[in-house]
Amino acid sequence: MAETKYQVRATRCAHDSDDASVLAALRGITDPLTQAWAKLESARTIAIKINMVWPPERIRMTAGRRQELVDESVIRALFTLLRERTAAQIAVVDTSLEHDLHDLHFMDLLGEYGVSFVNANEAPARWADTPDGGTMFGRYFLPEAMLDADATISLATLKSHNFMGVTLCTKNLFGLCPVRRDNRPRHYFHHIVRLSYALPDLAAIMRPTLNIVDGLVAQSGVEWGGDPRITDCLLAGDHTLATDVCGATLMGNDPYGDFPTPPYRRDRNHLLVGAEKGWGPSSLDQIDFQHDLSLPVAQFDSNATDPPERVAAWHRSMNEQALHYAADPAPYLAQYPHEYILLQDGVVLWHGEWYGHGVSRRDLAAAKPDRAIWLKYVDPDETEAEHFEVYRHVLGGEC
């Protein structure tokens, strides 16, 4: 048996439990995570990323629980445990996507526990190097409140994801990327090929001390607007990728499956990418995973948004465009320095100083719907240190 390095616990917690029962269940699965608590209890500052930012009128409920976001009772339980066991300053760090901050509907809840909020779109941020050079980028622009915290926590929801198959504690960290001009736009990372590798990078930089998944109710199909599942469970672990491997297992998904096998219909499995890098367990045998559940807790899959033949064609052509640029970036550096370009078959279809929601790649590709369009920031210094060898690796079918 492979060496066990990680601890993960899960338990049944009925979706109609009261707050005291949710607290007891979370206490029961986090108490055994002694290494995580040792770091949390010695921390002066704790930063938490919670899957909770969303306009209040769009929050969907199932059986009295939040379907797509972490439920308030689970947040309360976590805050209670932290206040019992630490004297740290605690902050929730996330990005508001609305200029009027309308999606920050949880501020009163944080105030009850003396927890502050850091809006990553406005707070200080800096470039952070990815350990071992990273898998997709050598560095990322991230909020200092998260980077400088003595301990960090990822609190996520149990749900499927169109691009990544599953969205749990690792994907939750994607929300830390500031949405502002001195960073890359969200579309830059949420991109065929890139996202599967960027997510393990973010987990390696942040290294959450404690990872929790709210499975009181869950969602299948897609990350927003999917099909509800009542799953009656909570999950916690001391390592992000290991926790998510167990989360995918709870969902009945193969945590080490890969594109194009469902639920990884759209792209590579980021959990497998992290394991290949050596940043997480390569099998369930490496995880001390204990639970009292009947698995799977429900049926989950990702929605098929496009024919598999088209998705495969996008993968091939996306890799080809990236490698075309890498082979001779000089013409682009000369003509489009410090701009974003959309590249298809060696032709720049669009360029500009900021890539926002107003430019649809599907619309631009209308004449060639099976040929992907690659988005690149033309940086003479290549500050992000993109790993072009990833495209060569994926194109060669070695994954």
Protein backbone atom coordinates (compact mmCIF):
# COMPACT_ATOMS: atom_id res chain seq x y z
CA MET A 1 0.00 0.00 0.00
CA ALA A 2 1.20 3.49 -0.84
CA GLU A 3 2.34 5.74 1.98
CA THR A 4 -0.51 7.65 3.63
CA LYS A 5 0.17 11.38 3.79
CA TYR A 6 -3.25 12.99 4.02
CA GLN A 7 -6.23 12.92 6.40
CA VAL A 8 -9.81 13.34 5.20
CA ARG A 9 -13.05 12.74 7.09
CA ALA A 10 -16.70 12.77 6.02
CA THR A 11 -19.92 12.20 7.87
CA ARG A 12 -23.64 12.13 7.43
CA CYS A 13 -25.33 15.39 8.37
CA ALA A 14 -29.00 15.63 7.45
CA HIS A 15 -29.90 18.67 5.38
CA ASP A 16 -32.69 19.51 7.84
CA SER A 17 -30.34 19.52 10.86
CA ASP A 18 -30.40 22.49 13.20
CA ASP A 19 -27.31 24.67 13.68
CA ALA A 20 -26.21 22.73 16.77
CA SER A 21 -26.25 19.45 14.86
CA VAL A 22 -24.30 20.93 11.94
CA LEU A 23 -21.74 22.27 14.41
CA ALA A 24 -21.44 18.85 16.07
CA ALA A 25 -20.97 17.13 12.71
CA LEU A 26 -18.30 19.59 11.58
CA ARG A 27 -16.54 19.30 14.92
CA GLY A 28 -16.55 15.53 14.57
CA ILE A 29 -14.81 15.49 11.19
CA THR A 30 -12.35 18.32 11.85
CA ASP A 31 -11.17 17.32 15.36
CA PRO A 32 -9.08 14.42 13.98
CA LEU A 33 -7.20 16.78 11.65
CA THR A 34 -4.59 17.49 14.31
CA GLN A 35 -1.91 18.90 12.02
CA ALA A 36 -4.36 21.39 10.56
CA TRP A 37 -5.52 22.51 13.99
CA ALA A 38 -1.95 22.85 15.25
CA LYS A 39 -1.28 25.39 12.51
CA LEU A 40 -4.62 27.15 12.95
CA GLU A 41 -4.21 27.43 16.72
CA SER A 42 -0.75 28.99 16.40
CA ALA A 43 -1.81 31.41 13.65
CA ARG A 44 -2.12 35.13 14.28
CA THR A 45 -4.01 35.64 11.02
CA ILE A 46 -6.36 33.24 9.21
CA ALA A 47 -7.72 33.92 5.72
CA ILE A 48 -10.74 32.01 4.41
CA LYS A 49 -12.04 31.60 0.87
CA ILE A 50 -15.74 30.69 0.97
CA ASN A 51 -17.93 29.85 -2.03
CA MET A 52 -20.51 32.51 -1.12
CA VAL A 53 -20.31 35.63 -3.35
CA TRP A 54 -23.42 35.83 -5.54
CA PRO A 55 -26.27 38.33 -6.09
CA PRO A 56 -28.92 37.57 -3.44
CA GLU A 57 -31.80 37.48 -5.92
CA ARG A 58 -30.01 34.68 -7.80
CA ILE A 59 -29.34 32.45 -4.79
CA ARG A 60 -31.15 29.15 -5.29
CA MET A 61 -32.43 27.09 -2.38
CA THR A 62 -33.25 23.40 -2.08
CA ALA A 63 -35.00 22.01 0.99
CA GLY A 64 -34.15 25.20 2.87
CA ARG A 65 -30.43 25.08 2.06
CA ARG A 66 -28.30 27.01 -0.41
CA GLN A 67 -27.86 24.85 -3.46
CA GLU A 68 -24.90 26.51 -5.19
CA LEU A 69 -23.25 28.29 -2.28
CA VAL A 70 -22.03 27.25 1.15
CA ASP A 71 -24.98 27.25 3.50
CA GLU A 72 -25.06 29.78 6.33
CA SER A 73 -25.23 27.04 8.99
CA VAL A 74 -21.93 25.55 7.80
CA ILE A 75 -20.28 28.98 7.79
CA ARG A 76 -21.52 29.59 11.33
CA ALA A 77 -20.19 26.22 12.42
CA LEU A 78 -16.73 26.95 11.03
CA PHE A 79 -16.60 30.40 12.62
CA THR A 80 -17.70 28.94 15.96
CA LEU A 81 -14.95 26.30 15.90
CA LEU A 82 -12.33 28.89 15.01
CA ARG A 83 -13.46 31.23 17.77
CA GLU A 84 -13.35 28.36 20.28
CA ARG A 85 -9.83 27.30 19.38
CA THR A 86 -7.96 30.36 18.10
CA ALA A 87 -7.38 33.99 19.00
CA ALA A 88 -6.41 34.82 15.42
CA GLN A 89 -7.61 37.73 13.33
CA ILE A 90 -9.92 36.15 10.77
CA ALA A 91 -10.77 37.50 7.33
CA VAL A 92 -12.81 36.17 4.44
CA VAL A 93 -11.07 36.97 1.14
CA ASP A 94 -12.98 36.93 -2.15
CA THR A 95 -13.84 39.01 -5.21
CA SER A 96 -17.01 40.98 -5.69
CA LEU A 97 -18.10 40.93 -9.32
CA GLU A 98 -20.53 43.85 -8.95
CA HIS A 99 -19.48 47.49 -8.73
CA ASP A 100 -22.16 48.26 -6.15
CA LEU A 101 -21.06 45.29 -3.98
CA HIS A 102 -24.62 43.93 -4.23
CA ASP A 103 -23.26 40.36 -4.17
CA LEU A 104 -21.71 40.81 -0.72
CA HIS A 105 -24.92 39.75 1.03
CA PHE A 106 -23.14 38.05 3.94
CA MET A 107 -21.51 41.01 5.68
CA ASP A 108 -23.85 40.94 8.70
CA LEU A 109 -23.03 37.26 9.23
CA LEU A 110 -19.31 37.98 9.25
CA GLY A 111 -19.86 40.85 11.65
CA GLU A 112 -21.53 38.56 14.19
CA TYR A 113 -18.24 36.67 14.57
CA GLY A 114 -15.87 39.61 14.24
CA VAL A 115 -14.70 38.38 10.85
CA SER A 116 -13.58 41.01 8.35
CA PHE A 117 -13.97 40.93 4.57
CA VAL A 118 -11.23 41.62 2.03
CA ASN A 119 -12.43 42.38 -1.49
CA ALA A 120 -9.60 41.08 -3.65
CA ASN A 121 -10.58 43.43 -6.47
CA GLU A 122 -9.59 46.42 -4.36
CA ALA A 123 -7.11 45.14 -1.76
CA PRO A 124 -3.33 45.04 -2.21
CA ALA A 125 -2.12 42.20 -4.39
CA ARG A 126 1.21 41.04 -5.79
CA TRP A 127 2.79 38.49 -8.07
CA ALA A 128 3.40 35.21 -6.24
CA ASP A 129 5.78 32.56 -7.56
CA THR A 130 4.34 29.10 -8.04
CA PRO A 131 6.26 26.33 -6.22
CA ASP A 132 8.54 24.27 -8.46
CA GLY A 133 7.92 26.71 -11.29
CA GLY A 134 4.26 25.80 -11.55
CA THR A 135 2.40 23.74 -14.13
CA MET A 136 0.72 26.48 -16.24
CA PHE A 137 2.25 29.76 -15.05
CA GLY A 138 5.32 30.54 -13.05
CA ARG A 139 3.50 33.26 -11.08
CA TYR A 140 0.04 34.61 -10.38
CA PHE A 141 -1.25 37.99 -9.22
CA LEU A 142 -3.05 37.33 -5.92
CA PRO A 143 -4.34 39.18 -2.83
CA GLU A 144 -1.76 39.81 -0.16
CA ALA A 145 -4.31 39.07 2.58
CA MET A 146 -4.33 35.45 1.44
CA LEU A 147 -0.63 35.19 0.65
CA ASP A 148 0.49 36.66 3.98
CA ALA A 149 -1.95 34.83 6.28
CA ASP A 150 -0.42 32.40 8.75
CA ALA A 151 -3.09 29.84 7.86
CA THR A 152 -5.74 29.59 5.16
CA ILE A 153 -9.03 27.72 4.71
CA SER A 154 -11.03 26.72 1.63
CA LEU A 155 -14.76 26.23 2.28
CA ALA A 156 -16.60 25.01 -0.80
CA THR A 157 -19.81 23.43 -2.06
CA LEU A 158 -20.31 19.92 -3.45
CA LYS A 159 -21.20 20.41 -7.10
CA SER A 160 -20.37 19.58 -10.70
CA HIS A 161 -18.62 21.92 -13.12
CA ASN A 162 -18.96 22.22 -16.89
CA PHE A 163 -15.26 22.78 -17.53
CA MET A 164 -13.60 20.89 -14.68
CA GLY A 165 -16.07 18.08 -14.01
CA VAL A 166 -16.19 18.85 -10.30
CA THR A 167 -15.88 22.08 -8.35
CA LEU A 168 -14.74 21.66 -4.76
CA CYS A 169 -12.00 23.17 -2.58
CA THR A 170 -9.42 23.57 -5.37
CA LYS A 171 -11.73 25.24 -7.87
CA ASN A 172 -12.99 27.45 -5.03
CA LEU A 173 -9.56 29.13 -4.95
CA PHE A 174 -10.05 30.44 -8.48
CA GLY A 175 -12.27 33.16 -7.00
CA LEU A 176 -9.21 34.72 -5.37
CA CYS A 177 -7.87 36.02 -8.69
CA PRO A 178 -8.56 39.79 -8.66
CA VAL A 179 -10.76 41.09 -11.46
CA ARG A 180 -8.89 44.27 -12.37
CA ARG A 181 -6.52 45.69 -14.96
CA ASP A 182 -3.25 44.82 -13.23
CA ASN A 183 -4.22 41.15 -13.31
CA ARG A 184 -5.38 38.97 -16.19
CA PRO A 185 -9.15 38.79 -16.84
CA ARG A 186 -11.04 35.74 -15.57
CA HIS A 187 -11.44 34.51 -19.17
CA TYR A 188 -7.67 34.23 -19.38
CA PHE A 189 -7.53 31.40 -16.86
CA HIS A 190 -11.00 29.99 -17.54
CA HIS A 191 -9.73 28.77 -20.88
CA ILE A 192 -9.39 25.36 -22.53
CA VAL A 193 -6.11 23.72 -21.41
CA ARG A 194 -5.10 26.53 -19.04
CA LEU A 195 -7.66 26.07 -16.26
CA SER A 196 -6.83 22.40 -15.62
CA TYR A 197 -3.24 23.39 -14.84
CA ALA A 198 -3.87 26.79 -13.23
CA LEU A 199 -6.04 25.31 -10.47
CA PRO A 200 -3.31 23.02 -9.05
CA ASP A 201 -0.97 26.01 -9.26
CA LEU A 202 -3.30 28.08 -7.10
CA ALA A 203 -3.63 25.27 -4.58
CA ALA A 204 0.16 24.94 -4.41
CA ILE A 205 0.56 28.67 -3.76
CA MET A 206 -2.24 28.98 -1.18
CA ARG A 207 -1.80 25.57 0.50
CA PRO A 208 -5.05 25.75 2.53
CA THR A 209 -4.54 24.45 6.04
CA LEU A 210 -8.12 23.21 6.34
CA ASN A 211 -10.49 22.24 3.53
CA ILE A 212 -14.23 21.79 4.01
CA VAL A 213 -16.99 20.82 1.58
CA ASP A 214 -20.63 21.57 2.35
CA GLY A 215 -22.71 18.65 1.07
CA LEU A 216 -25.95 19.26 2.94
CA VAL A 217 -27.40 19.80 -0.50
CA ALA A 218 -25.43 19.74 -3.73
CA GLN A 219 -25.73 20.30 -7.46
CA SER A 220 -25.14 18.26 -10.60
CA GLY A 221 -24.73 19.30 -14.22
CA VAL A 222 -23.13 22.71 -14.00
CA GLU A 223 -21.73 25.11 -11.40
CA TRP A 224 -24.58 27.63 -11.74
CA GLY A 225 -28.17 26.68 -12.56
CA GLY A 226 -27.73 22.91 -12.29
CA ASP A 227 -29.87 20.14 -10.85
CA PRO A 228 -30.23 19.91 -7.06
CA ARG A 229 -29.10 16.92 -5.05
CA ILE A 230 -29.87 16.28 -1.38
CA THR A 231 -26.69 14.64 -0.18
CA ASP A 232 -26.77 15.00 3.63
CA CYS A 233 -23.01 15.10 4.24
CA LEU A 234 -20.01 17.17 5.25
CA LEU A 235 -16.38 16.60 4.23
CA ALA A 236 -13.11 17.95 5.65
CA GLY A 237 -9.42 17.36 5.06
CA ASP A 238 -5.95 18.71 5.72
CA HIS A 239 -4.92 18.91 2.04
CA THR A 240 -6.82 20.54 -0.80
CA LEU A 241 -6.30 18.00 -3.59
CA ALA A 242 -6.73 15.04 -1.23
CA THR A 243 -9.99 16.47 0.07
CA ASP A 244 -11.24 16.94 -3.49
CA VAL A 245 -10.22 13.42 -4.50
CA CYS A 246 -12.48 12.19 -1.70
CA GLY A 247 -15.18 14.69 -2.71
CA ALA A 248 -15.18 13.39 -6.28
CA THR A 249 -15.43 9.88 -4.85
CA LEU A 250 -18.49 10.88 -2.80
CA MET A 251 -20.02 12.11 -6.05
CA GLY A 252 -19.43 8.77 -7.78
CA ASN A 253 -16.90 10.32 -10.16
CA ASP A 254 -13.49 8.79 -10.82
CA PRO A 255 -11.09 11.24 -9.12
CA TYR A 256 -8.34 10.11 -11.49
CA GLY A 257 -10.38 9.98 -14.69
CA ASP A 258 -9.40 12.32 -17.50
CA PHE A 259 -10.65 14.12 -20.59
CA PRO A 260 -12.83 13.21 -22.44
CA THR A 261 -14.31 10.67 -20.01
CA PRO A 262 -17.31 12.09 -18.07
CA PRO A 263 -17.50 14.18 -16.00
CA TYR A 264 -14.29 15.58 -17.54
CA ARG A 265 -16.04 16.27 -20.83
CA ARG A 266 -14.52 19.67 -21.55
CA ASP A 267 -10.95 19.54 -20.30
CA ARG A 268 -8.35 17.64 -18.31
CA ASN A 269 -9.00 16.64 -14.70
CA HIS A 270 -7.19 19.17 -12.50
CA LEU A 271 -6.97 16.64 -9.64
CA LEU A 272 -5.03 14.28 -11.90
CA VAL A 273 -2.82 17.13 -13.13
CA GLY A 274 -1.95 17.97 -9.51
CA ALA A 275 -1.16 14.33 -8.78
CA GLU A 276 1.07 14.10 -11.86
CA LYS A 277 3.01 17.10 -10.57
CA GLY A 278 3.48 15.38 -7.21
CA TRP A 279 1.39 17.93 -5.33
CA GLY A 280 -1.29 15.52 -4.17
CA PRO A 281 -2.19 11.87 -3.73
CA SER A 282 -1.95 9.65 -6.79
CA SER A 283 -4.45 7.16 -5.37
CA LEU A 284 -7.04 6.83 -2.63
CA ASP A 285 -4.63 4.45 -0.87
CA GLN A 286 -2.49 7.46 0.04
CA ILE A 287 -5.36 9.09 1.94
CA ASP A 288 -6.54 8.21 5.43
CA PHE A 289 -10.18 8.61 4.40
CA GLN A 290 -12.78 7.67 7.01
CA HIS A 291 -16.54 8.17 6.71
CA ASP A 292 -19.92 6.74 7.66
CA LEU A 293 -21.62 7.30 4.30
CA SER A 294 -23.07 5.06 1.61
CA LEU A 295 -21.31 5.98 -1.61
CA PRO A 296 -22.06 7.65 -3.89
CA VAL A 297 -24.12 10.17 -1.98
CA ALA A 298 -26.03 10.98 -5.21
CA GLN A 299 -25.59 10.81 -8.98
CA PHE A 300 -23.45 13.58 -10.51
CA ASP A 301 -22.26 14.44 -14.01
CA SER A 302 -21.33 17.51 -16.02
CA ASN A 303 -23.57 18.80 -18.79
CA ALA A 304 -22.47 18.21 -22.36
CA THR A 305 -22.57 21.74 -23.82
CA ASP A 306 -21.01 20.88 -27.20
CA PRO A 307 -20.54 17.74 -29.32
CA PRO A 308 -17.46 15.78 -28.19
CA GLU A 309 -15.98 15.96 -31.69
CA ARG A 310 -16.05 19.76 -31.53
CA VAL A 311 -14.53 19.86 -28.07
CA ALA A 312 -11.72 17.56 -29.24
CA ALA A 313 -11.13 19.84 -32.23
CA TRP A 314 -10.96 22.85 -29.91
CA HIS A 315 -8.31 21.10 -27.83
CA ARG A 316 -6.15 20.32 -30.82
CA SER A 317 -6.39 23.77 -32.35
CA MET A 318 -5.95 25.58 -29.01
CA ASN A 319 -2.67 23.79 -28.47
CA GLU A 320 -1.63 24.50 -32.05
CA GLN A 321 -2.25 28.23 -31.69
CA ALA A 322 -0.30 28.47 -28.43
CA LEU A 323 2.65 26.63 -29.97
CA HIS A 324 2.45 28.80 -33.10
CA TYR A 325 2.87 31.88 -30.90
CA ALA A 326 5.65 30.30 -28.84
CA ALA A 327 7.60 29.34 -31.96
CA ASP A 328 7.99 32.99 -33.02
CA PRO A 329 6.48 35.61 -30.72
CA ALA A 330 8.55 38.44 -32.26
CA PRO A 331 5.89 39.67 -34.74
CA TYR A 332 3.26 39.85 -32.01
CA LEU A 333 5.64 41.55 -29.57
CA ALA A 334 6.44 44.14 -32.23
CA GLN A 335 2.84 44.90 -33.17
CA TYR A 336 0.80 44.25 -30.01
CA PRO A 337 3.01 44.85 -26.94
CA HIS A 338 1.08 45.01 -23.67
CA GLU A 339 -2.18 44.08 -25.42
CA TYR A 340 -4.38 41.01 -25.45
CA ILE A 341 -4.77 39.17 -28.72
CA LEU A 342 -7.21 36.51 -29.91
CA LEU A 343 -5.34 34.18 -32.24
CA GLN A 344 -6.92 31.70 -34.65
CA ASP A 345 -4.95 29.85 -37.32
CA GLY A 346 -2.13 32.37 -36.99
CA VAL A 347 -4.43 35.36 -37.55
CA VAL A 348 -5.12 37.99 -34.88
CA LEU A 349 -8.91 38.37 -34.90
CA TRP A 350 -8.97 40.99 -32.15
CA HIS A 351 -6.55 42.93 -29.98
CA GLY A 352 -6.93 45.44 -27.17
CA GLU A 353 -5.66 46.61 -23.79
CA TRP A 354 -8.35 44.72 -21.86
CA TYR A 355 -10.35 41.63 -22.71
CA GLY A 356 -13.81 41.98 -21.21
CA HIS A 357 -17.21 40.37 -21.66
CA GLY A 358 -17.89 42.30 -24.86
CA VAL A 359 -15.80 40.05 -27.13
CA SER A 360 -17.30 36.60 -27.77
CA ARG A 361 -14.90 34.00 -29.07
CA ARG A 362 -17.83 31.94 -30.32
CA ASP A 363 -18.99 34.88 -32.42
CA LEU A 364 -15.50 35.58 -33.76
CA ALA A 365 -15.09 31.93 -34.71
CA ALA A 366 -18.40 31.81 -36.58
CA ALA A 367 -16.79 30.89 -39.92
CA LYS A 368 -14.59 28.25 -38.25
CA PRO A 369 -16.57 26.96 -35.27
CA ASP A 370 -14.27 23.96 -34.76
CA ARG A 371 -11.09 26.04 -34.64
CA ALA A 372 -10.29 27.37 -31.19
CA ILE A 373 -9.25 30.95 -30.48
CA TRP A 374 -6.34 31.37 -28.08
CA LEU A 375 -6.21 34.39 -25.77
CA LYS A 376 -2.77 35.75 -24.91
CA TYR A 377 -1.39 38.83 -23.17
CA VAL A 378 1.55 39.93 -25.29
CA ASP A 379 4.10 40.77 -22.62
CA PRO A 380 7.70 41.49 -23.70
CA ASP A 381 8.82 40.38 -20.22
CA GLU A 382 6.54 37.28 -20.14
CA THR A 383 5.91 38.10 -16.48
CA GLU A 384 3.49 35.23 -16.01
CA ALA A 385 6.07 32.70 -17.30
CA GLU A 386 3.58 30.57 -19.23
CA HIS A 387 4.58 26.94 -19.68
CA PHE A 388 4.18 26.40 -23.41
CA GLU A 389 5.42 22.85 -23.01
CA VAL A 390 1.99 22.03 -21.55
CA TYR A 391 0.42 22.62 -24.95
CA ARG A 392 3.00 20.39 -26.59
CA HIS A 393 2.38 17.70 -23.96
CA VAL A 394 -1.40 17.80 -24.37
CA LEU A 395 -1.25 17.97 -28.16
CA GLY A 396 1.04 14.93 -28.18
CA GLY A 397 -1.62 12.95 -26.35
CA GLU A 398 0.72 12.08 -23.50
CA CYS A 399 -1.82 13.00 -20.85
